[in-house]
Amino acid sequence: MQNLHRYIEQTNLKPVITASDIDTLTQQAIQHNFRGICVPPFWVKKASRDIADLDVQLVTVIGFPLGYQMTEVKMEEIKLAIRDGADELDIVMNISSFKTGLPWTKIELAKCSSLIHEHSCLVKVIIETAYLNDSEIETACKLCADAGVDFVKTSTGFASEGAQLKHIELMRKVLPSQVGIKSSGGIKTREQAIQLIEAGADRIGTSSGVEIVSV
């Protein structure tokens, strides 16, 4: 696959990430022409300065990694991330609310999507497929699409399992064509990445981007 590098969001969301790790992430993105880098909210401002006007999307996470913060907290996180220079925001769906069957799950995502789109940024929603059965994945995807999100993302990387080929296939079957899929969590090899893309993934979130494109 010739343009594999343009699918990759090189990611580091480890609890022990340091400023030098952000430098490495940025350098890797520039060297390999990755689509973007994904960093914790605390490091968005630095990463934005480092990227400057380069063709690298700056991605951060909201409500990470469990998603059950109050909506007002997520909204404030979004405002701060955009202020600091984020281009794309990966929001953890409120899985607790979703499992309870509350309509607030969709309302929250619609509120977040509206705020993000007001600033011409992209919104991805992490549904955490490890915690959902197939029927719940379908419902979550439809809910996200109805809420106006740009991408649905599989995983935080903090659950018991990450991206699964069968889930990407299911998500692509359910989601409308204008909603993309970000596959993330445990993607380590070029073969894995290509299989996920062929199944319908539009983005690959990974900490192994350099290894994937260097094979």
N, C-alpha and C. Protein backbone atom coordinates (compact mmCIF):
# COMPACT_ATOMS: atom_id res chain seq x y z
N MET A 1 0.85 -1.19 0.00
CA MET A 1 0.00 0.00 0.00
C MET A 1 0.89 1.24 0.00
N GLN A 2 0.79 2.02 -1.06
CA GLN A 2 1.71 3.13 -1.28
C GLN A 2 1.53 4.27 -0.28
N ASN A 3 0.31 4.58 0.08
CA ASN A 3 0.05 5.75 0.92
C ASN A 3 -0.32 5.40 2.35
N LEU A 4 0.19 4.30 2.83
CA LEU A 4 -0.16 3.82 4.16
C LEU A 4 0.13 4.87 5.23
N HIS A 5 1.19 5.62 5.05
CA HIS A 5 1.59 6.63 6.05
C HIS A 5 0.52 7.69 6.28
N ARG A 6 -0.32 7.94 5.25
CA ARG A 6 -1.34 8.99 5.37
C ARG A 6 -2.57 8.52 6.14
N TYR A 7 -2.61 7.27 6.52
CA TYR A 7 -3.68 6.76 7.37
C TYR A 7 -3.32 6.86 8.86
N ILE A 8 -2.06 7.07 9.13
CA ILE A 8 -1.56 6.88 10.50
C ILE A 8 -1.58 8.15 11.34
N GLU A 9 -2.18 8.00 12.53
CA GLU A 9 -2.06 9.00 13.58
C GLU A 9 -1.10 8.43 14.62
N GLN A 10 0.13 8.89 14.58
CA GLN A 10 1.14 8.39 15.53
C GLN A 10 0.77 8.88 16.93
N THR A 11 0.66 7.95 17.87
CA THR A 11 0.01 8.23 19.14
C THR A 11 0.90 7.91 20.34
N ASN A 12 0.84 8.79 21.34
CA ASN A 12 1.44 8.47 22.63
C ASN A 12 0.54 9.07 23.72
N LEU A 13 -0.20 8.21 24.40
CA LEU A 13 -1.09 8.64 25.48
C LEU A 13 -0.70 7.95 26.79
N LYS A 14 0.55 7.56 26.90
CA LYS A 14 1.02 6.87 28.10
C LYS A 14 1.03 7.82 29.30
N PRO A 15 0.74 7.30 30.48
CA PRO A 15 0.75 8.14 31.68
C PRO A 15 2.10 8.81 31.95
N VAL A 16 3.18 8.18 31.48
CA VAL A 16 4.52 8.70 31.78
C VAL A 16 5.12 9.49 30.61
N ILE A 17 4.31 9.91 29.67
CA ILE A 17 4.81 10.68 28.54
C ILE A 17 5.47 11.97 29.01
N THR A 18 6.58 12.32 28.37
CA THR A 18 7.32 13.53 28.74
C THR A 18 7.44 14.46 27.54
N ALA A 19 7.99 15.63 27.77
CA ALA A 19 8.17 16.61 26.69
C ALA A 19 9.05 16.04 25.58
N SER A 20 10.06 15.27 25.94
CA SER A 20 10.94 14.70 24.92
C SER A 20 10.19 13.69 24.05
N ASP A 21 9.19 13.02 24.63
CA ASP A 21 8.36 12.09 23.85
C ASP A 21 7.52 12.86 22.83
N ILE A 22 7.04 14.03 23.21
CA ILE A 22 6.30 14.88 22.26
C ILE A 22 7.22 15.30 21.12
N ASP A 23 8.46 15.63 21.43
CA ASP A 23 9.44 15.99 20.39
C ASP A 23 9.63 14.82 19.43
N THR A 24 9.75 13.62 19.99
CA THR A 24 9.93 12.42 19.15
C THR A 24 8.73 12.20 18.26
N LEU A 25 7.54 12.33 18.82
CA LEU A 25 6.30 12.13 18.07
C LEU A 25 6.23 13.09 16.88
N THR A 26 6.55 14.34 17.14
CA THR A 26 6.51 15.35 16.08
C THR A 26 7.54 15.04 15.00
N GLN A 27 8.74 14.68 15.41
CA GLN A 27 9.79 14.36 14.45
C GLN A 27 9.41 13.15 13.60
N GLN A 28 8.80 12.16 14.21
CA GLN A 28 8.37 10.98 13.46
C GLN A 28 7.30 11.34 12.43
N ALA A 29 6.37 12.19 12.83
CA ALA A 29 5.30 12.60 11.91
C ALA A 29 5.86 13.36 10.71
N ILE A 30 6.83 14.21 10.96
CA ILE A 30 7.44 14.98 9.88
C ILE A 30 8.25 14.07 8.97
N GLN A 31 9.05 13.21 9.57
CA GLN A 31 9.92 12.32 8.80
C GLN A 31 9.15 11.36 7.92
N HIS A 32 8.03 10.84 8.43
CA HIS A 32 7.28 9.81 7.71
C HIS A 32 6.00 10.32 7.07
N ASN A 33 5.76 11.63 7.19
CA ASN A 33 4.58 12.25 6.57
C ASN A 33 3.29 11.59 7.04
N PHE A 34 3.20 11.37 8.36
CA PHE A 34 1.99 10.80 8.92
C PHE A 34 0.83 11.79 8.82
N ARG A 35 -0.37 11.26 8.88
CA ARG A 35 -1.57 12.11 8.85
C ARG A 35 -1.59 13.04 10.06
N GLY A 36 -1.24 12.49 11.24
CA GLY A 36 -1.29 13.33 12.43
C GLY A 36 -0.60 12.68 13.61
N ILE A 37 -0.63 13.41 14.72
CA ILE A 37 -0.15 12.88 15.99
C ILE A 37 -1.26 13.05 17.02
N CYS A 38 -1.34 12.12 17.95
CA CYS A 38 -2.35 12.17 19.01
C CYS A 38 -1.64 12.26 20.35
N VAL A 39 -1.93 13.33 21.09
CA VAL A 39 -1.23 13.61 22.35
C VAL A 39 -2.24 13.89 23.46
N PRO A 40 -1.83 13.76 24.72
CA PRO A 40 -2.71 14.13 25.83
C PRO A 40 -3.01 15.62 25.82
N PRO A 41 -4.14 16.03 26.39
CA PRO A 41 -4.52 17.45 26.40
C PRO A 41 -3.44 18.37 26.97
N PHE A 42 -2.74 17.91 27.99
CA PHE A 42 -1.71 18.74 28.63
C PHE A 42 -0.63 19.17 27.65
N TRP A 43 -0.39 18.36 26.62
CA TRP A 43 0.71 18.63 25.70
C TRP A 43 0.27 19.23 24.37
N VAL A 44 -0.99 19.57 24.24
CA VAL A 44 -1.48 20.11 22.96
C VAL A 44 -0.79 21.42 22.61
N LYS A 45 -0.64 22.30 23.57
CA LYS A 45 -0.05 23.61 23.28
C LYS A 45 1.38 23.47 22.76
N LYS A 46 2.17 22.65 23.41
CA LYS A 46 3.55 22.43 22.96
C LYS A 46 3.57 21.79 21.57
N ALA A 47 2.75 20.75 21.38
CA ALA A 47 2.73 20.07 20.09
C ALA A 47 2.30 21.03 18.98
N SER A 48 1.36 21.90 19.27
CA SER A 48 0.91 22.88 18.28
C SER A 48 2.04 23.81 17.88
N ARG A 49 2.81 24.25 18.84
CA ARG A 49 3.97 25.10 18.54
C ARG A 49 4.99 24.35 17.70
N ASP A 50 5.22 23.09 18.05
CA ASP A 50 6.23 22.29 17.34
C ASP A 50 5.81 22.01 15.90
N ILE A 51 4.53 21.73 15.69
CA ILE A 51 4.03 21.43 14.35
C ILE A 51 3.98 22.68 13.48
N ALA A 52 3.62 23.81 14.11
CA ALA A 52 3.49 25.09 13.40
C ALA A 52 2.54 24.94 12.22
N ASP A 53 3.01 25.25 11.02
CA ASP A 53 2.12 25.20 9.85
C ASP A 53 2.38 23.97 8.98
N LEU A 54 2.97 22.94 9.55
CA LEU A 54 3.23 21.72 8.81
C LEU A 54 1.92 20.96 8.55
N ASP A 55 1.93 20.08 7.56
CA ASP A 55 0.74 19.30 7.20
C ASP A 55 0.62 18.08 8.11
N VAL A 56 0.40 18.34 9.39
CA VAL A 56 0.23 17.29 10.39
C VAL A 56 -0.97 17.67 11.25
N GLN A 57 -1.96 16.80 11.32
CA GLN A 57 -3.12 17.07 12.15
C GLN A 57 -2.79 16.81 13.61
N LEU A 58 -3.21 17.74 14.47
CA LEU A 58 -2.97 17.60 15.89
C LEU A 58 -4.25 17.09 16.57
N VAL A 59 -4.15 15.89 17.11
CA VAL A 59 -5.30 15.20 17.69
C VAL A 59 -5.09 15.09 19.20
N THR A 60 -6.18 15.28 19.96
CA THR A 60 -6.12 15.03 21.40
C THR A 60 -7.39 14.31 21.84
N VAL A 61 -7.43 13.95 23.10
CA VAL A 61 -8.54 13.15 23.62
C VAL A 61 -9.35 13.95 24.64
N ILE A 62 -10.64 13.63 24.71
CA ILE A 62 -11.57 14.30 25.61
C ILE A 62 -12.32 13.24 26.42
N GLY A 63 -12.47 13.49 27.74
CA GLY A 63 -13.16 12.51 28.58
C GLY A 63 -12.42 11.19 28.66
N PHE A 64 -11.13 11.25 28.57
CA PHE A 64 -10.29 10.05 28.43
C PHE A 64 -9.84 9.55 29.80
N PRO A 65 -9.78 8.23 30.00
CA PRO A 65 -10.13 7.16 29.06
C PRO A 65 -11.48 6.48 29.31
N LEU A 66 -12.25 6.94 30.31
CA LEU A 66 -13.46 6.21 30.69
C LEU A 66 -14.76 6.84 30.22
N GLY A 67 -14.76 8.14 29.94
CA GLY A 67 -15.90 8.76 29.28
C GLY A 67 -17.06 9.18 30.15
N TYR A 68 -16.98 8.92 31.47
CA TYR A 68 -18.16 9.21 32.29
C TYR A 68 -18.07 10.54 33.07
N GLN A 69 -17.23 11.45 32.57
CA GLN A 69 -17.22 12.80 33.12
C GLN A 69 -18.56 13.50 32.80
N MET A 70 -18.84 14.54 33.54
CA MET A 70 -20.02 15.34 33.23
C MET A 70 -19.84 16.02 31.87
N THR A 71 -20.94 16.22 31.17
CA THR A 71 -20.90 16.85 29.86
C THR A 71 -20.21 18.21 29.92
N GLU A 72 -20.50 18.98 30.98
CA GLU A 72 -19.90 20.31 31.11
C GLU A 72 -18.37 20.24 31.18
N VAL A 73 -17.87 19.18 31.79
CA VAL A 73 -16.42 18.99 31.89
C VAL A 73 -15.84 18.70 30.50
N LYS A 74 -16.51 17.83 29.76
CA LYS A 74 -16.05 17.52 28.40
C LYS A 74 -16.08 18.76 27.52
N MET A 75 -17.12 19.57 27.66
CA MET A 75 -17.23 20.78 26.86
C MET A 75 -16.08 21.74 27.17
N GLU A 76 -15.74 21.84 28.46
CA GLU A 76 -14.63 22.72 28.83
C GLU A 76 -13.30 22.17 28.32
N GLU A 77 -13.14 20.86 28.38
CA GLU A 77 -11.93 20.23 27.82
C GLU A 77 -11.80 20.56 26.33
N ILE A 78 -12.93 20.49 25.63
CA ILE A 78 -12.94 20.78 24.19
C ILE A 78 -12.50 22.21 23.93
N LYS A 79 -13.07 23.15 24.68
CA LYS A 79 -12.72 24.56 24.49
C LYS A 79 -11.23 24.80 24.71
N LEU A 80 -10.69 24.20 25.76
CA LEU A 80 -9.27 24.39 26.06
C LEU A 80 -8.38 23.74 25.00
N ALA A 81 -8.76 22.55 24.54
CA ALA A 81 -7.97 21.86 23.53
C ALA A 81 -7.94 22.64 22.22
N ILE A 82 -9.09 23.17 21.83
CA ILE A 82 -9.14 23.97 20.60
C ILE A 82 -8.36 25.26 20.78
N ARG A 83 -8.49 25.89 21.93
CA ARG A 83 -7.71 27.11 22.22
C ARG A 83 -6.21 26.84 22.09
N ASP A 84 -5.79 25.66 22.54
CA ASP A 84 -4.36 25.34 22.53
C ASP A 84 -3.85 24.85 21.17
N GLY A 85 -4.78 24.61 20.22
CA GLY A 85 -4.33 24.29 18.87
C GLY A 85 -4.74 22.94 18.31
N ALA A 86 -5.61 22.20 18.99
CA ALA A 86 -6.03 20.89 18.47
C ALA A 86 -6.86 21.04 17.21
N ASP A 87 -6.64 20.14 16.25
CA ASP A 87 -7.42 20.11 15.01
C ASP A 87 -8.54 19.08 15.08
N GLU A 88 -8.31 18.00 15.80
CA GLU A 88 -9.27 16.90 15.88
C GLU A 88 -9.37 16.44 17.33
N LEU A 89 -10.59 16.12 17.74
CA LEU A 89 -10.81 15.75 19.14
C LEU A 89 -11.49 14.38 19.22
N ASP A 90 -10.85 13.47 19.92
CA ASP A 90 -11.35 12.10 20.10
C ASP A 90 -12.03 12.00 21.46
N ILE A 91 -13.36 11.95 21.44
CA ILE A 91 -14.16 11.97 22.67
C ILE A 91 -14.56 10.56 23.07
N VAL A 92 -14.35 10.22 24.33
CA VAL A 92 -14.82 8.92 24.82
C VAL A 92 -16.32 9.02 25.10
N MET A 93 -17.09 8.19 24.42
CA MET A 93 -18.53 8.13 24.66
C MET A 93 -18.79 7.76 26.11
N ASN A 94 -19.89 8.27 26.67
CA ASN A 94 -20.28 7.90 28.02
C ASN A 94 -20.88 6.49 27.98
N ILE A 95 -20.02 5.50 28.14
CA ILE A 95 -20.43 4.10 28.03
C ILE A 95 -21.38 3.73 29.16
N SER A 96 -21.19 4.33 30.32
CA SER A 96 -22.07 4.09 31.46
C SER A 96 -23.50 4.54 31.15
N SER A 97 -23.62 5.72 30.58
CA SER A 97 -24.93 6.23 30.16
C SER A 97 -25.52 5.38 29.05
N PHE A 98 -24.67 5.00 28.11
CA PHE A 98 -25.11 4.18 26.97
C PHE A 98 -25.64 2.84 27.44
N LYS A 99 -24.91 2.19 28.34
CA LYS A 99 -25.33 0.88 28.84
C LYS A 99 -26.63 0.97 29.64
N THR A 100 -26.86 2.12 30.24
CA THR A 100 -28.09 2.33 31.00
C THR A 100 -29.28 2.60 30.09
N GLY A 101 -28.99 3.00 28.84
CA GLY A 101 -30.05 3.29 27.90
C GLY A 101 -30.56 4.71 27.96
N LEU A 102 -29.75 5.61 28.53
CA LEU A 102 -30.18 7.00 28.67
C LEU A 102 -30.05 7.76 27.35
N PRO A 103 -31.03 8.59 26.99
CA PRO A 103 -30.94 9.40 25.78
C PRO A 103 -29.83 10.45 25.86
N TRP A 104 -29.34 10.71 27.08
CA TRP A 104 -28.31 11.73 27.25
C TRP A 104 -27.02 11.38 26.48
N THR A 105 -26.76 10.12 26.25
CA THR A 105 -25.55 9.72 25.51
C THR A 105 -25.49 10.45 24.18
N LYS A 106 -26.58 10.41 23.44
CA LYS A 106 -26.65 11.07 22.13
C LYS A 106 -26.67 12.58 22.27
N ILE A 107 -27.38 13.07 23.27
CA ILE A 107 -27.46 14.52 23.48
C ILE A 107 -26.07 15.09 23.75
N GLU A 108 -25.30 14.40 24.59
CA GLU A 108 -23.95 14.86 24.90
C GLU A 108 -23.08 14.92 23.64
N LEU A 109 -23.13 13.86 22.84
CA LEU A 109 -22.32 13.82 21.63
C LEU A 109 -22.73 14.90 20.65
N ALA A 110 -24.03 15.16 20.55
CA ALA A 110 -24.51 16.22 19.66
C ALA A 110 -24.02 17.59 20.15
N LYS A 111 -24.03 17.81 21.44
CA LYS A 111 -23.54 19.07 22.01
C LYS A 111 -22.04 19.24 21.72
N CYS A 112 -21.30 18.17 21.94
CA CYS A 112 -19.85 18.22 21.70
C CYS A 112 -19.55 18.43 20.21
N SER A 113 -20.27 17.72 19.36
CA SER A 113 -20.06 17.84 17.92
C SER A 113 -20.33 19.26 17.45
N SER A 114 -21.41 19.83 17.95
CA SER A 114 -21.77 21.20 17.55
C SER A 114 -20.68 22.18 17.94
N LEU A 115 -20.19 22.08 19.15
CA LEU A 115 -19.13 22.98 19.62
C LEU A 115 -17.86 22.82 18.79
N ILE A 116 -17.49 21.59 18.52
CA ILE A 116 -16.26 21.32 17.76
C ILE A 116 -16.39 21.83 16.33
N HIS A 117 -17.53 21.59 15.72
CA HIS A 117 -17.73 22.03 14.34
C HIS A 117 -17.81 23.55 14.22
N GLU A 118 -18.24 24.22 15.27
CA GLU A 118 -18.25 25.69 15.28
C GLU A 118 -16.84 26.24 15.06
N HIS A 119 -15.86 25.46 15.47
CA HIS A 119 -14.45 25.88 15.35
C HIS A 119 -13.75 25.20 14.18
N SER A 120 -14.54 24.60 13.30
CA SER A 120 -14.02 23.95 12.09
C SER A 120 -13.01 22.84 12.40
N CYS A 121 -13.24 22.15 13.51
CA CYS A 121 -12.42 21.00 13.87
C CYS A 121 -13.22 19.72 13.65
N LEU A 122 -12.53 18.58 13.70
CA LEU A 122 -13.18 17.29 13.50
C LEU A 122 -13.41 16.59 14.83
N VAL A 123 -14.51 15.83 14.88
CA VAL A 123 -14.84 15.08 16.09
C VAL A 123 -14.88 13.58 15.80
N LYS A 124 -14.16 12.84 16.63
CA LYS A 124 -14.19 11.39 16.59
C LYS A 124 -14.73 10.91 17.93
N VAL A 125 -15.53 9.87 17.91
CA VAL A 125 -16.09 9.33 19.15
C VAL A 125 -15.56 7.92 19.37
N ILE A 126 -14.98 7.71 20.53
CA ILE A 126 -14.46 6.40 20.92
C ILE A 126 -15.59 5.63 21.60
N ILE A 127 -16.03 4.55 20.98
CA ILE A 127 -17.13 3.78 21.57
C ILE A 127 -16.64 2.63 22.45
N GLU A 128 -15.36 2.33 22.42
CA GLU A 128 -14.72 1.27 23.21
C GLU A 128 -15.39 -0.08 22.95
N THR A 129 -15.09 -0.62 21.79
CA THR A 129 -15.72 -1.86 21.34
C THR A 129 -15.48 -3.04 22.29
N ALA A 130 -14.41 -3.00 23.08
CA ALA A 130 -14.13 -4.10 24.01
C ALA A 130 -15.25 -4.28 25.03
N TYR A 131 -16.00 -3.23 25.29
CA TYR A 131 -17.06 -3.29 26.29
C TYR A 131 -18.45 -3.50 25.69
N LEU A 132 -18.53 -3.66 24.37
CA LEU A 132 -19.83 -3.75 23.69
C LEU A 132 -19.97 -5.05 22.91
N ASN A 133 -21.20 -5.57 22.87
CA ASN A 133 -21.46 -6.69 21.97
C ASN A 133 -21.81 -6.13 20.58
N ASP A 134 -22.00 -7.01 19.61
CA ASP A 134 -22.22 -6.55 18.23
C ASP A 134 -23.44 -5.65 18.11
N SER A 135 -24.52 -6.02 18.80
CA SER A 135 -25.73 -5.22 18.74
C SER A 135 -25.49 -3.83 19.32
N GLU A 136 -24.73 -3.76 20.40
CA GLU A 136 -24.42 -2.46 21.01
C GLU A 136 -23.50 -1.63 20.12
N ILE A 137 -22.58 -2.29 19.44
CA ILE A 137 -21.72 -1.57 18.50
C ILE A 137 -22.55 -0.94 17.39
N GLU A 138 -23.49 -1.69 16.86
CA GLU A 138 -24.38 -1.15 15.82
C GLU A 138 -25.16 0.05 16.34
N THR A 139 -25.73 -0.09 17.52
CA THR A 139 -26.52 1.00 18.10
C THR A 139 -25.65 2.22 18.36
N ALA A 140 -24.45 2.00 18.90
CA ALA A 140 -23.54 3.11 19.18
C ALA A 140 -23.14 3.84 17.90
N CYS A 141 -22.88 3.09 16.84
CA CYS A 141 -22.51 3.70 15.56
C CYS A 141 -23.64 4.56 15.01
N LYS A 142 -24.86 4.05 15.07
CA LYS A 142 -26.01 4.81 14.59
C LYS A 142 -26.22 6.07 15.42
N LEU A 143 -26.04 5.93 16.72
CA LEU A 143 -26.17 7.07 17.63
C LEU A 143 -25.14 8.14 17.29
N CYS A 144 -23.91 7.73 17.05
CA CYS A 144 -22.84 8.67 16.70
C CYS A 144 -23.14 9.39 15.38
N ALA A 145 -23.57 8.62 14.40
CA ALA A 145 -23.90 9.21 13.10
C ALA A 145 -25.02 10.23 13.24
N ASP A 146 -26.04 9.90 14.01
CA ASP A 146 -27.16 10.81 14.23
C ASP A 146 -26.72 12.08 14.96
N ALA A 147 -25.69 11.95 15.80
CA ALA A 147 -25.19 13.10 16.57
C ALA A 147 -24.28 13.99 15.74
N GLY A 148 -23.97 13.58 14.51
CA GLY A 148 -23.20 14.43 13.60
C GLY A 148 -21.70 14.34 13.72
N VAL A 149 -21.19 13.19 14.20
CA VAL A 149 -19.74 13.07 14.35
C VAL A 149 -19.07 12.79 12.99
N ASP A 150 -17.77 13.03 12.93
CA ASP A 150 -17.02 12.81 11.69
C ASP A 150 -16.44 11.41 11.59
N PHE A 151 -16.05 10.85 12.74
CA PHE A 151 -15.47 9.51 12.79
C PHE A 151 -15.99 8.78 14.01
N VAL A 152 -16.06 7.47 13.90
CA VAL A 152 -16.26 6.62 15.07
C VAL A 152 -14.97 5.82 15.25
N LYS A 153 -14.50 5.78 16.47
CA LYS A 153 -13.21 5.17 16.79
C LYS A 153 -13.42 3.95 17.68
N THR A 154 -12.63 2.93 17.48
CA THR A 154 -12.86 1.66 18.19
C THR A 154 -12.50 1.69 19.66
N SER A 155 -11.35 2.28 20.00
CA SER A 155 -10.77 1.97 21.31
C SER A 155 -9.93 3.10 21.87
N THR A 156 -9.80 3.09 23.20
CA THR A 156 -8.87 4.01 23.86
C THR A 156 -7.46 3.44 23.91
N GLY A 157 -7.36 2.12 23.84
CA GLY A 157 -6.08 1.46 24.06
C GLY A 157 -5.88 1.10 25.52
N PHE A 158 -6.85 1.47 26.37
CA PHE A 158 -6.74 1.20 27.80
C PHE A 158 -7.65 0.06 28.25
N ALA A 159 -8.48 -0.47 27.35
CA ALA A 159 -9.39 -1.57 27.69
C ALA A 159 -8.69 -2.91 27.49
N SER A 160 -9.45 -3.98 27.66
CA SER A 160 -8.87 -5.32 27.62
C SER A 160 -8.43 -5.74 26.22
N GLU A 161 -9.04 -5.14 25.19
CA GLU A 161 -8.61 -5.42 23.82
C GLU A 161 -8.82 -4.17 22.98
N GLY A 162 -8.09 -4.10 21.87
CA GLY A 162 -8.18 -2.96 20.98
C GLY A 162 -8.94 -3.28 19.71
N ALA A 163 -8.41 -2.80 18.60
CA ALA A 163 -9.09 -2.93 17.31
C ALA A 163 -9.21 -4.39 16.89
N GLN A 164 -10.41 -4.77 16.44
CA GLN A 164 -10.66 -6.10 15.92
C GLN A 164 -11.21 -5.98 14.50
N LEU A 165 -10.71 -6.80 13.61
CA LEU A 165 -11.12 -6.76 12.22
C LEU A 165 -12.64 -6.90 12.07
N LYS A 166 -13.23 -7.81 12.82
CA LYS A 166 -14.67 -8.04 12.71
C LYS A 166 -15.47 -6.81 13.11
N HIS A 167 -14.94 -6.03 14.05
CA HIS A 167 -15.65 -4.83 14.48
C HIS A 167 -15.57 -3.72 13.42
N ILE A 168 -14.43 -3.62 12.75
CA ILE A 168 -14.30 -2.64 11.67
C ILE A 168 -15.28 -2.98 10.55
N GLU A 169 -15.36 -4.24 10.21
CA GLU A 169 -16.30 -4.67 9.16
C GLU A 169 -17.73 -4.35 9.54
N LEU A 170 -18.08 -4.61 10.80
CA LEU A 170 -19.43 -4.32 11.28
C LEU A 170 -19.70 -2.82 11.27
N MET A 171 -18.77 -2.05 11.75
CA MET A 171 -18.94 -0.60 11.80
C MET A 171 -19.11 0.00 10.40
N ARG A 172 -18.30 -0.50 9.46
CA ARG A 172 -18.40 0.03 8.10
C ARG A 172 -19.75 -0.32 7.46
N LYS A 173 -20.27 -1.47 7.82
CA LYS A 173 -21.57 -1.89 7.31
C LYS A 173 -22.69 -1.00 7.84
N VAL A 174 -22.56 -0.56 9.08
CA VAL A 174 -23.62 0.19 9.75
C VAL A 174 -23.53 1.70 9.49
N LEU A 175 -22.32 2.23 9.47
CA LEU A 175 -22.15 3.68 9.37
C LEU A 175 -22.40 4.20 7.95
N PRO A 176 -22.97 5.40 7.83
CA PRO A 176 -23.11 6.02 6.50
C PRO A 176 -21.73 6.35 5.94
N SER A 177 -21.64 6.50 4.65
CA SER A 177 -20.34 6.65 3.99
C SER A 177 -19.59 7.91 4.42
N GLN A 178 -20.34 8.94 4.84
CA GLN A 178 -19.66 10.19 5.21
C GLN A 178 -19.04 10.16 6.60
N VAL A 179 -19.31 9.09 7.35
CA VAL A 179 -18.72 8.95 8.68
C VAL A 179 -17.55 7.99 8.60
N GLY A 180 -16.36 8.47 8.95
CA GLY A 180 -15.17 7.65 8.86
C GLY A 180 -14.99 6.76 10.08
N ILE A 181 -14.03 5.86 9.98
CA ILE A 181 -13.70 4.94 11.07
C ILE A 181 -12.23 5.09 11.43
N LYS A 182 -11.97 5.27 12.72
CA LYS A 182 -10.60 5.24 13.21
C LYS A 182 -10.40 3.96 14.00
N SER A 183 -9.47 3.16 13.56
CA SER A 183 -9.14 1.91 14.22
C SER A 183 -7.93 2.14 15.11
N SER A 184 -8.05 1.76 16.37
CA SER A 184 -6.95 1.99 17.30
C SER A 184 -6.93 0.93 18.38
N GLY A 185 -5.77 0.79 19.00
CA GLY A 185 -5.61 -0.17 20.08
C GLY A 185 -4.94 -1.46 19.64
N GLY A 186 -3.68 -1.61 19.97
CA GLY A 186 -2.97 -2.86 19.71
C GLY A 186 -2.54 -3.09 18.28
N ILE A 187 -2.50 -2.05 17.45
CA ILE A 187 -2.09 -2.19 16.04
C ILE A 187 -0.57 -2.04 15.97
N LYS A 188 0.09 -3.14 15.69
CA LYS A 188 1.56 -3.16 15.79
C LYS A 188 2.26 -3.44 14.46
N THR A 189 1.56 -4.06 13.50
CA THR A 189 2.24 -4.50 12.29
C THR A 189 1.62 -3.90 11.03
N ARG A 190 2.41 -3.91 9.97
CA ARG A 190 1.94 -3.42 8.67
C ARG A 190 0.75 -4.27 8.18
N GLU A 191 0.87 -5.58 8.37
CA GLU A 191 -0.20 -6.48 7.93
C GLU A 191 -1.52 -6.16 8.62
N GLN A 192 -1.45 -5.94 9.93
CA GLN A 192 -2.65 -5.57 10.69
C GLN A 192 -3.26 -4.29 10.13
N ALA A 193 -2.44 -3.29 9.95
CA ALA A 193 -2.93 -1.99 9.50
C ALA A 193 -3.61 -2.10 8.14
N ILE A 194 -3.00 -2.83 7.23
CA ILE A 194 -3.56 -2.97 5.88
C ILE A 194 -4.88 -3.73 5.93
N GLN A 195 -4.95 -4.78 6.72
CA GLN A 195 -6.20 -5.54 6.86
C GLN A 195 -7.33 -4.66 7.39
N LEU A 196 -7.03 -3.82 8.37
CA LEU A 196 -8.03 -2.95 8.95
C LEU A 196 -8.50 -1.88 7.95
N ILE A 197 -7.56 -1.37 7.18
CA ILE A 197 -7.91 -0.38 6.15
C ILE A 197 -8.79 -1.02 5.08
N GLU A 198 -8.41 -2.20 4.65
CA GLU A 198 -9.20 -2.91 3.63
C GLU A 198 -10.60 -3.26 4.14
N ALA A 199 -10.73 -3.41 5.46
CA ALA A 199 -12.03 -3.71 6.06
C ALA A 199 -12.90 -2.47 6.22
N GLY A 200 -12.27 -1.28 6.08
CA GLY A 200 -13.07 -0.06 6.15
C GLY A 200 -12.51 1.06 7.00
N ALA A 201 -11.37 0.85 7.66
CA ALA A 201 -10.79 1.91 8.49
C ALA A 201 -10.22 3.03 7.63
N ASP A 202 -10.47 4.27 8.05
CA ASP A 202 -9.96 5.45 7.36
C ASP A 202 -8.75 6.05 8.06
N ARG A 203 -8.60 5.75 9.33
CA ARG A 203 -7.46 6.20 10.12
C ARG A 203 -6.97 5.03 10.97
N ILE A 204 -5.67 5.05 11.25
CA ILE A 204 -5.05 4.06 12.11
C ILE A 204 -4.36 4.79 13.26
N GLY A 205 -4.87 4.60 14.48
CA GLY A 205 -4.23 5.17 15.64
C GLY A 205 -3.28 4.15 16.24
N THR A 206 -2.00 4.50 16.33
CA THR A 206 -1.01 3.52 16.76
C THR A 206 0.23 4.20 17.32
N SER A 207 0.90 3.52 18.21
CA SER A 207 2.20 3.99 18.68
C SER A 207 3.33 3.34 17.89
N SER A 208 2.94 2.51 16.91
CA SER A 208 3.93 1.75 16.12
C SER A 208 3.97 2.19 14.67
N GLY A 209 3.63 3.43 14.41
CA GLY A 209 3.58 3.91 13.04
C GLY A 209 4.89 3.78 12.29
N VAL A 210 5.98 4.09 12.97
CA VAL A 210 7.29 4.01 12.31
C VAL A 210 7.59 2.58 11.89
N GLU A 211 7.32 1.63 12.78
CA GLU A 211 7.56 0.22 12.46
C GLU A 211 6.66 -0.24 11.32
N ILE A 212 5.43 0.24 11.32
CA ILE A 212 4.45 -0.17 10.30
C ILE A 212 4.88 0.29 8.91
N VAL A 213 5.34 1.50 8.79
CA VAL A 213 5.69 2.03 7.46
C VAL A 213 7.11 1.70 7.05
N SER A 214 7.92 1.20 7.99
CA SER A 214 9.34 0.97 7.68
C SER A 214 9.61 -0.46 7.20
N VAL A 215 8.59 -1.30 7.19
CA VAL A 215 8.78 -2.71 6.77
C VAL A 215 9.06 -2.76 5.27
